[in-house]
Amino acid sequence: MLNERLADRSFVAGEDYGIADMAIYPWIVPYTFQEQNLDDFPHLKRWFETVANRDAVKRAYALADKINPPKP
């Protein structure tokens, strides 16, 4: 459903990054643990990579890793 939603827009609610993107992104992050392949969802993959490459998102996830390091 999200892949279809992103077919004709840059972000979930339109052309601007917003709260919907911020809320949905963390649910997609563990896609490999959910045994999903983003290549099967090209619009979702484009959106995911766009959001992941935002400076604020990089900083937030770097801080999260520092505060709560991934378990080995």
PDB file of N, CA and C in Angstrom:
ATOM      1  N   MET A   1       0.816  -1.169   0.000  1.00  0.00           N
ATOM      2  CA  MET A   1       0.000   0.000   0.000  1.00  0.00           C
ATOM      3  C   MET A   1       0.879   1.261   0.000  1.00  0.00           C
ATOM      4  N   LEU A   2       1.917   1.281   0.800  1.00  0.00           N
ATOM      5  CA  LEU A   2       2.794   2.449   0.857  1.00  0.00           C
ATOM      6  C   LEU A   2       3.524   2.635  -0.470  1.00  0.00           C
ATOM      7  N   ASN A   3       3.926   1.559  -1.096  1.00  0.00           N
ATOM      8  CA  ASN A   3       4.580   1.647  -2.399  1.00  0.00           C
ATOM      9  C   ASN A   3       3.670   2.340  -3.406  1.00  0.00           C
ATOM     10  N   GLU A   4       2.394   1.976  -3.404  1.00  0.00           N
ATOM     11  CA  GLU A   4       1.431   2.611  -4.311  1.00  0.00           C
ATOM     12  C   GLU A   4       1.248   4.081  -3.966  1.00  0.00           C
ATOM     13  N   ARG A   5       1.180   4.399  -2.691  1.00  0.00           N
ATOM     14  CA  ARG A   5       1.002   5.782  -2.248  1.00  0.00           C
ATOM     15  C   ARG A   5       2.156   6.654  -2.740  1.00  0.00           C
ATOM     16  N   LEU A   6       3.355   6.097  -2.757  1.00  0.00           N
ATOM     17  CA  LEU A   6       4.540   6.862  -3.130  1.00  0.00           C
ATOM     18  C   LEU A   6       4.807   6.874  -4.638  1.00  0.00           C
ATOM     19  N   ALA A   7       3.942   6.240  -5.399  1.00  0.00           N
ATOM     20  CA  ALA A   7       4.148   6.150  -6.847  1.00  0.00           C
ATOM     21  C   ALA A   7       4.107   7.510  -7.532  1.00  0.00           C
ATOM     22  N   ASP A   8       3.309   8.423  -7.017  1.00  0.00           N
ATOM     23  CA  ASP A   8       3.146   9.714  -7.690  1.00  0.00           C
ATOM     24  C   ASP A   8       3.464  10.913  -6.800  1.00  0.00           C
ATOM     25  N   ARG A   9       4.243  10.674  -5.757  1.00  0.00           N
ATOM     26  CA  ARG A   9       4.620  11.768  -4.854  1.00  0.00           C
ATOM     27  C   ARG A   9       5.975  11.457  -4.234  1.00  0.00           C
ATOM     28  N   SER A  10       6.652  12.494  -3.812  1.00  0.00           N
ATOM     29  CA  SER A  10       7.983  12.319  -3.220  1.00  0.00           C
ATOM     30  C   SER A  10       7.926  11.773  -1.809  1.00  0.00           C
ATOM     31  N   PHE A  11       6.924  12.230  -1.058  1.00  0.00           N
ATOM     32  CA  PHE A  11       6.791  11.829   0.342  1.00  0.00           C
ATOM     33  C   PHE A  11       5.357  11.382   0.594  1.00  0.00           C
ATOM     34  N   VAL A  12       5.100  10.826   1.734  1.00  0.00           N
ATOM     35  CA  VAL A  12       3.810  10.215   2.035  1.00  0.00           C
ATOM     36  C   VAL A  12       2.637  11.183   1.834  1.00  0.00           C
ATOM     37  N   ALA A  13       2.807  12.439   2.275  1.00  0.00           N
ATOM     38  CA  ALA A  13       1.704  13.391   2.185  1.00  0.00           C
ATOM     39  C   ALA A  13       1.829  14.354   1.001  1.00  0.00           C
ATOM     40  N   GLY A  14       2.793  14.147   0.144  1.00  0.00           N
ATOM     41  CA  GLY A  14       2.937  15.026  -1.013  1.00  0.00           C
ATOM     42  C   GLY A  14       4.377  15.251  -1.394  1.00  0.00           C
ATOM     43  N   GLU A  15       4.705  16.499  -1.698  1.00  0.00           N
ATOM     44  CA  GLU A  15       6.050  16.823  -2.166  1.00  0.00           C
ATOM     45  C   GLU A  15       6.982  17.294  -1.069  1.00  0.00           C
ATOM     46  N   ASP A  16       6.455  17.471   0.130  1.00  0.00           N
ATOM     47  CA  ASP A  16       7.286  17.936   1.240  1.00  0.00           C
ATOM     48  C   ASP A  16       7.416  16.855   2.306  1.00  0.00           C
ATOM     49  N   TYR A  17       8.616  16.718   2.831  1.00  0.00           N
ATOM     50  CA  TYR A  17       8.892  15.813   3.946  1.00  0.00           C
ATOM     51  C   TYR A  17       8.101  16.297   5.153  1.00  0.00           C
ATOM     52  N   GLY A  18       7.441  15.365   5.839  1.00  0.00           N
ATOM     53  CA  GLY A  18       6.628  15.785   6.970  1.00  0.00           C
ATOM     54  C   GLY A  18       6.509  14.733   8.057  1.00  0.00           C
ATOM     55  N   ILE A  19       5.614  15.008   8.975  1.00  0.00           N
ATOM     56  CA  ILE A  19       5.430  14.160  10.152  1.00  0.00           C
ATOM     57  C   ILE A  19       5.042  12.725   9.772  1.00  0.00           C
ATOM     58  N   ALA A  20       4.310  12.544   8.697  1.00  0.00           N
ATOM     59  CA  ALA A  20       3.940  11.188   8.270  1.00  0.00           C
ATOM     60  C   ALA A  20       5.181  10.381   7.907  1.00  0.00           C
ATOM     61  N   ASP A  21       6.107  11.021   7.220  1.00  0.00           N
ATOM     62  CA  ASP A  21       7.357  10.344   6.856  1.00  0.00           C
ATOM     63  C   ASP A  21       8.168   9.997   8.100  1.00  0.00           C
ATOM     64  N   MET A  22       8.211  10.947   9.037  1.00  0.00           N
ATOM     65  CA  MET A  22       8.941  10.711  10.284  1.00  0.00           C
ATOM     66  C   MET A  22       8.341   9.561  11.078  1.00  0.00           C
ATOM     67  N   ALA A  23       7.036   9.456  11.058  1.00  0.00           N
ATOM     68  CA  ALA A  23       6.352   8.409  11.823  1.00  0.00           C
ATOM     69  C   ALA A  23       6.472   7.040  11.162  1.00  0.00           C
ATOM     70  N   ILE A  24       6.458   7.000   9.856  1.00  0.00           N
ATOM     71  CA  ILE A  24       6.460   5.719   9.128  1.00  0.00           C
ATOM     72  C   ILE A  24       7.863   5.141   8.963  1.00  0.00           C
ATOM     73  N   TYR A  25       8.845   5.996   8.767  1.00  0.00           N
ATOM     74  CA  TYR A  25      10.207   5.535   8.480  1.00  0.00           C
ATOM     75  C   TYR A  25      10.724   4.468   9.458  1.00  0.00           C
ATOM     76  N   PRO A  26      10.594   4.659  10.783  1.00  0.00           N
ATOM     77  CA  PRO A  26      11.132   3.640  11.702  1.00  0.00           C
ATOM     78  C   PRO A  26      10.478   2.267  11.552  1.00  0.00           C
ATOM     79  N   TRP A  27       9.280   2.228  11.016  1.00  0.00           N
ATOM     80  CA  TRP A  27       8.610   0.937  10.801  1.00  0.00           C
ATOM     81  C   TRP A  27       9.201   0.191   9.610  1.00  0.00           C
ATOM     82  N   ILE A  28       9.860   0.920   8.711  1.00  0.00           N
ATOM     83  CA  ILE A  28      10.446   0.301   7.526  1.00  0.00           C
ATOM     84  C   ILE A  28      11.904  -0.089   7.770  1.00  0.00           C
ATOM     85  N   VAL A  29      12.575   0.595   8.684  1.00  0.00           N
ATOM     86  CA  VAL A  29      14.001   0.351   8.951  1.00  0.00           C
ATOM     87  C   VAL A  29      14.326  -1.138   9.113  1.00  0.00           C
ATOM     88  N   PRO A  30      13.567  -1.912   9.881  1.00  0.00           N
ATOM     89  CA  PRO A  30      13.940  -3.327  10.056  1.00  0.00           C
ATOM     90  C   PRO A  30      13.427  -4.253   8.937  1.00  0.00           C
ATOM     91  N   TYR A  31      13.326  -3.741   7.726  1.00  0.00           N
ATOM     92  CA  TYR A  31      12.763  -4.545   6.637  1.00  0.00           C
ATOM     93  C   TYR A  31      13.506  -5.862   6.416  1.00  0.00           C
ATOM     94  N   THR A  32      14.814  -5.892   6.658  1.00  0.00           N
ATOM     95  CA  THR A  32      15.547  -7.156   6.454  1.00  0.00           C
ATOM     96  C   THR A  32      15.153  -8.200   7.501  1.00  0.00           C
ATOM     97  N   PHE A  33      14.900  -7.744   8.733  1.00  0.00           N
ATOM     98  CA  PHE A  33      14.462  -8.675   9.779  1.00  0.00           C
ATOM     99  C   PHE A  33      13.058  -9.203   9.487  1.00  0.00           C
ATOM    100  N   GLN A  34      12.308  -8.429   8.724  1.00  0.00           N
ATOM    101  CA  GLN A  34      10.954  -8.845   8.339  1.00  0.00           C
ATOM    102  C   GLN A  34      10.969  -9.656   7.051  1.00  0.00           C
ATOM    103  N   GLU A  35      12.192  -9.927   6.577  1.00  0.00           N
ATOM    104  CA  GLU A  35      12.412 -10.707   5.363  1.00  0.00           C
ATOM    105  C   GLU A  35      11.732 -10.086   4.150  1.00  0.00           C
ATOM    106  N   GLN A  36      11.851  -8.769   4.069  1.00  0.00           N
ATOM    107  CA  GLN A  36      11.321  -8.030   2.930  1.00  0.00           C
ATOM    108  C   GLN A  36      12.483  -7.589   2.042  1.00  0.00           C
ATOM    109  N   ASN A  37      12.204  -7.431   0.776  1.00  0.00           N
ATOM    110  CA  ASN A  37      13.196  -6.966  -0.181  1.00  0.00           C
ATOM    111  C   ASN A  37      12.667  -5.658  -0.772  1.00  0.00           C
ATOM    112  N   LEU A  38      13.319  -4.559  -0.480  1.00  0.00           N
ATOM    113  CA  LEU A  38      12.840  -3.264  -0.980  1.00  0.00           C
ATOM    114  C   LEU A  38      12.896  -3.176  -2.502  1.00  0.00           C
ATOM    115  N   ASP A  39      13.680  -4.018  -3.138  1.00  0.00           N
ATOM    116  CA  ASP A  39      13.699  -4.034  -4.600  1.00  0.00           C
ATOM    117  C   ASP A  39      12.329  -4.414  -5.163  1.00  0.00           C
ATOM    118  N   ASP A  40      11.522  -5.087  -4.370  1.00  0.00           N
ATOM    119  CA  ASP A  40      10.167  -5.456  -4.795  1.00  0.00           C
ATOM    120  C   ASP A  40       9.201  -4.272  -4.734  1.00  0.00           C
ATOM    121  N   PHE A  41       9.648  -3.181  -4.131  1.00  0.00           N
ATOM    122  CA  PHE A  41       8.806  -1.999  -3.920  1.00  0.00           C
ATOM    123  C   PHE A  41       9.601  -0.756  -4.331  1.00  0.00           C
ATOM    124  N   PRO A  42       9.719  -0.485  -5.622  1.00  0.00           N
ATOM    125  CA  PRO A  42      10.622   0.572  -6.090  1.00  0.00           C
ATOM    126  C   PRO A  42      10.304   1.974  -5.552  1.00  0.00           C
ATOM    127  N   HIS A  43       9.050   2.315  -5.409  1.00  0.00           N
ATOM    128  CA  HIS A  43       8.702   3.654  -4.912  1.00  0.00           C
ATOM    129  C   HIS A  43       9.021   3.764  -3.426  1.00  0.00           C
ATOM    130  N   LEU A  44       8.752   2.697  -2.694  1.00  0.00           N
ATOM    131  CA  LEU A  44       9.087   2.656  -1.273  1.00  0.00           C
ATOM    132  C   LEU A  44      10.606   2.707  -1.086  1.00  0.00           C
ATOM    133  N   LYS A  45      11.328   1.996  -1.922  1.00  0.00           N
ATOM    134  CA  LYS A  45      12.790   1.983  -1.830  1.00  0.00           C
ATOM    135  C   LYS A  45      13.348   3.384  -2.067  1.00  0.00           C
ATOM    136  N   ARG A  46      12.855   4.072  -3.089  1.00  0.00           N
ATOM    137  CA  ARG A  46      13.308   5.435  -3.371  1.00  0.00           C
ATOM    138  C   ARG A  46      13.045   6.344  -2.180  1.00  0.00           C
ATOM    139  N   TRP A  47      11.833   6.280  -1.636  1.00  0.00           N
ATOM    140  CA  TRP A  47      11.458   7.083  -0.473  1.00  0.00           C
ATOM    141  C   TRP A  47      12.345   6.747   0.730  1.00  0.00           C
ATOM    142  N   PHE A  48      12.520   5.452   0.995  1.00  0.00           N
ATOM    143  CA  PHE A  48      13.314   5.003   2.130  1.00  0.00           C
ATOM    144  C   PHE A  48      14.741   5.542   2.044  1.00  0.00           C
ATOM    145  N   GLU A  49      15.347   5.429   0.881  1.00  0.00           N
ATOM    146  CA  GLU A  49      16.712   5.909   0.698  1.00  0.00           C
ATOM    147  C   GLU A  49      16.788   7.430   0.827  1.00  0.00           C
ATOM    148  N   THR A  50      15.779   8.125   0.339  1.00  0.00           N
ATOM    149  CA  THR A  50      15.725   9.587   0.453  1.00  0.00           C
ATOM    150  C   THR A  50      15.658  10.003   1.913  1.00  0.00           C
ATOM    151  N   VAL A  51      14.775   9.368   2.671  1.00  0.00           N
ATOM    152  CA  VAL A  51      14.633   9.703   4.086  1.00  0.00           C
ATOM    153  C   VAL A  51      15.901   9.304   4.845  1.00  0.00           C
ATOM    154  N   ALA A  52      16.432   8.138   4.568  1.00  0.00           N
ATOM    155  CA  ALA A  52      17.634   7.657   5.262  1.00  0.00           C
ATOM    156  C   ALA A  52      18.819   8.577   5.056  1.00  0.00           C
ATOM    157  N   ASN A  53      18.869   9.262   3.933  1.00  0.00           N
ATOM    158  CA  ASN A  53      19.997  10.130   3.618  1.00  0.00           C
ATOM    159  C   ASN A  53      19.827  11.566   4.091  1.00  0.00           C
ATOM    160  N   ARG A  54      18.735  11.863   4.760  1.00  0.00           N
ATOM    161  CA  ARG A  54      18.562  13.205   5.336  1.00  0.00           C
ATOM    162  C   ARG A  54      19.533  13.363   6.508  1.00  0.00           C
ATOM    163  N   ASP A  55      20.157  14.511   6.590  1.00  0.00           N
ATOM    164  CA  ASP A  55      21.147  14.747   7.653  1.00  0.00           C
ATOM    165  C   ASP A  55      20.557  14.529   9.044  1.00  0.00           C
ATOM    166  N   ALA A  56      19.354  15.013   9.271  1.00  0.00           N
ATOM    167  CA  ALA A  56      18.738  14.873  10.595  1.00  0.00           C
ATOM    168  C   ALA A  56      18.483  13.410  10.944  1.00  0.00           C
ATOM    169  N   VAL A  57      18.107  12.622   9.962  1.00  0.00           N
ATOM    170  CA  VAL A  57      17.859  11.198  10.201  1.00  0.00           C
ATOM    171  C   VAL A  57      19.181  10.497  10.515  1.00  0.00           C
ATOM    172  N   LYS A  58      20.219  10.819   9.783  1.00  0.00           N
ATOM    173  CA  LYS A  58      21.540  10.235  10.059  1.00  0.00           C
ATOM    174  C   LYS A  58      21.989  10.567  11.476  1.00  0.00           C
ATOM    175  N   ARG A  59      21.820  11.836  11.866  1.00  0.00           N
ATOM    176  CA  ARG A  59      22.223  12.238  13.217  1.00  0.00           C
ATOM    177  C   ARG A  59      21.408  11.509  14.274  1.00  0.00           C
ATOM    178  N   ALA A  60      20.112  11.396  14.057  1.00  0.00           N
ATOM    179  CA  ALA A  60      19.248  10.739  15.037  1.00  0.00           C
ATOM    180  C   ALA A  60      19.620   9.273  15.207  1.00  0.00           C
ATOM    181  N   TYR A  61      19.860   8.568  14.111  1.00  0.00           N
ATOM    182  CA  TYR A  61      20.205   7.152  14.214  1.00  0.00           C
ATOM    183  C   TYR A  61      21.611   6.947  14.772  1.00  0.00           C
ATOM    184  N   ALA A  62      22.521   7.876  14.502  1.00  0.00           N
ATOM    185  CA  ALA A  62      23.867   7.795  15.093  1.00  0.00           C
ATOM    186  C   ALA A  62      23.775   7.984  16.603  1.00  0.00           C
ATOM    187  N   LEU A  63      22.947   8.913  17.028  1.00  0.00           N
ATOM    188  CA  LEU A  63      22.755   9.142  18.460  1.00  0.00           C
ATOM    189  C   LEU A  63      22.092   7.933  19.108  1.00  0.00           C
ATOM    190  N   ALA A  64      21.106   7.367  18.442  1.00  0.00           N
ATOM    191  CA  ALA A  64      20.425   6.182  18.978  1.00  0.00           C
ATOM    192  C   ALA A  64      21.410   5.026  19.142  1.00  0.00           C
ATOM    193  N   ASP A  65      22.298   4.843  18.167  1.00  0.00           N
ATOM    194  CA  ASP A  65      23.301   3.771  18.265  1.00  0.00           C
ATOM    195  C   ASP A  65      24.273   4.019  19.411  1.00  0.00           C
ATOM    196  N   LYS A  66      24.565   5.285  19.681  1.00  0.00           N
ATOM    197  CA  LYS A  66      25.475   5.630  20.782  1.00  0.00           C
ATOM    198  C   LYS A  66      24.800   5.385  22.130  1.00  0.00           C
ATOM    199  N   ILE A  67      23.537   5.768  22.247  1.00  0.00           N
ATOM    200  CA  ILE A  67      22.803   5.617  23.492  1.00  0.00           C
ATOM    201  C   ILE A  67      22.416   4.161  23.743  1.00  0.00           C
ATOM    202  N   ASN A  68      22.018   3.490  22.698  1.00  0.00           N
ATOM    203  CA  ASN A  68      21.547   2.102  22.805  1.00  0.00           C
ATOM    204  C   ASN A  68      22.248   1.286  21.724  1.00  0.00           C
ATOM    205  N   PRO A  69      23.517   0.905  21.940  1.00  0.00           N
ATOM    206  CA  PRO A  69      24.288   0.224  20.905  1.00  0.00           C
ATOM    207  C   PRO A  69      23.623  -1.092  20.473  1.00  0.00           C
ATOM    208  N   PRO A  70      23.751  -1.390  19.178  1.00  0.00           N
ATOM    209  CA  PRO A  70      23.222  -2.667  18.681  1.00  0.00           C
ATOM    210  C   PRO A  70      23.872  -3.832  19.436  1.00  0.00           C
ATOM    211  N   LYS A  71      23.097  -4.848  19.681  1.00  0.00           N
ATOM    212  CA  LYS A  71      23.633  -6.041  20.365  1.00  0.00           C
ATOM    213  C   LYS A  71      24.401  -6.886  19.366  1.00  0.00           C
ATOM    214  N   PRO A  72      25.515  -7.452  19.809  1.00  0.00           N
ATOM    215  CA  PRO A  72      26.353  -8.269  18.891  1.00  0.00           C
ATOM    216  C   PRO A  72      25.642  -9.516  18.435  1.00  0.00           C
TER     217      PRO A  72
END
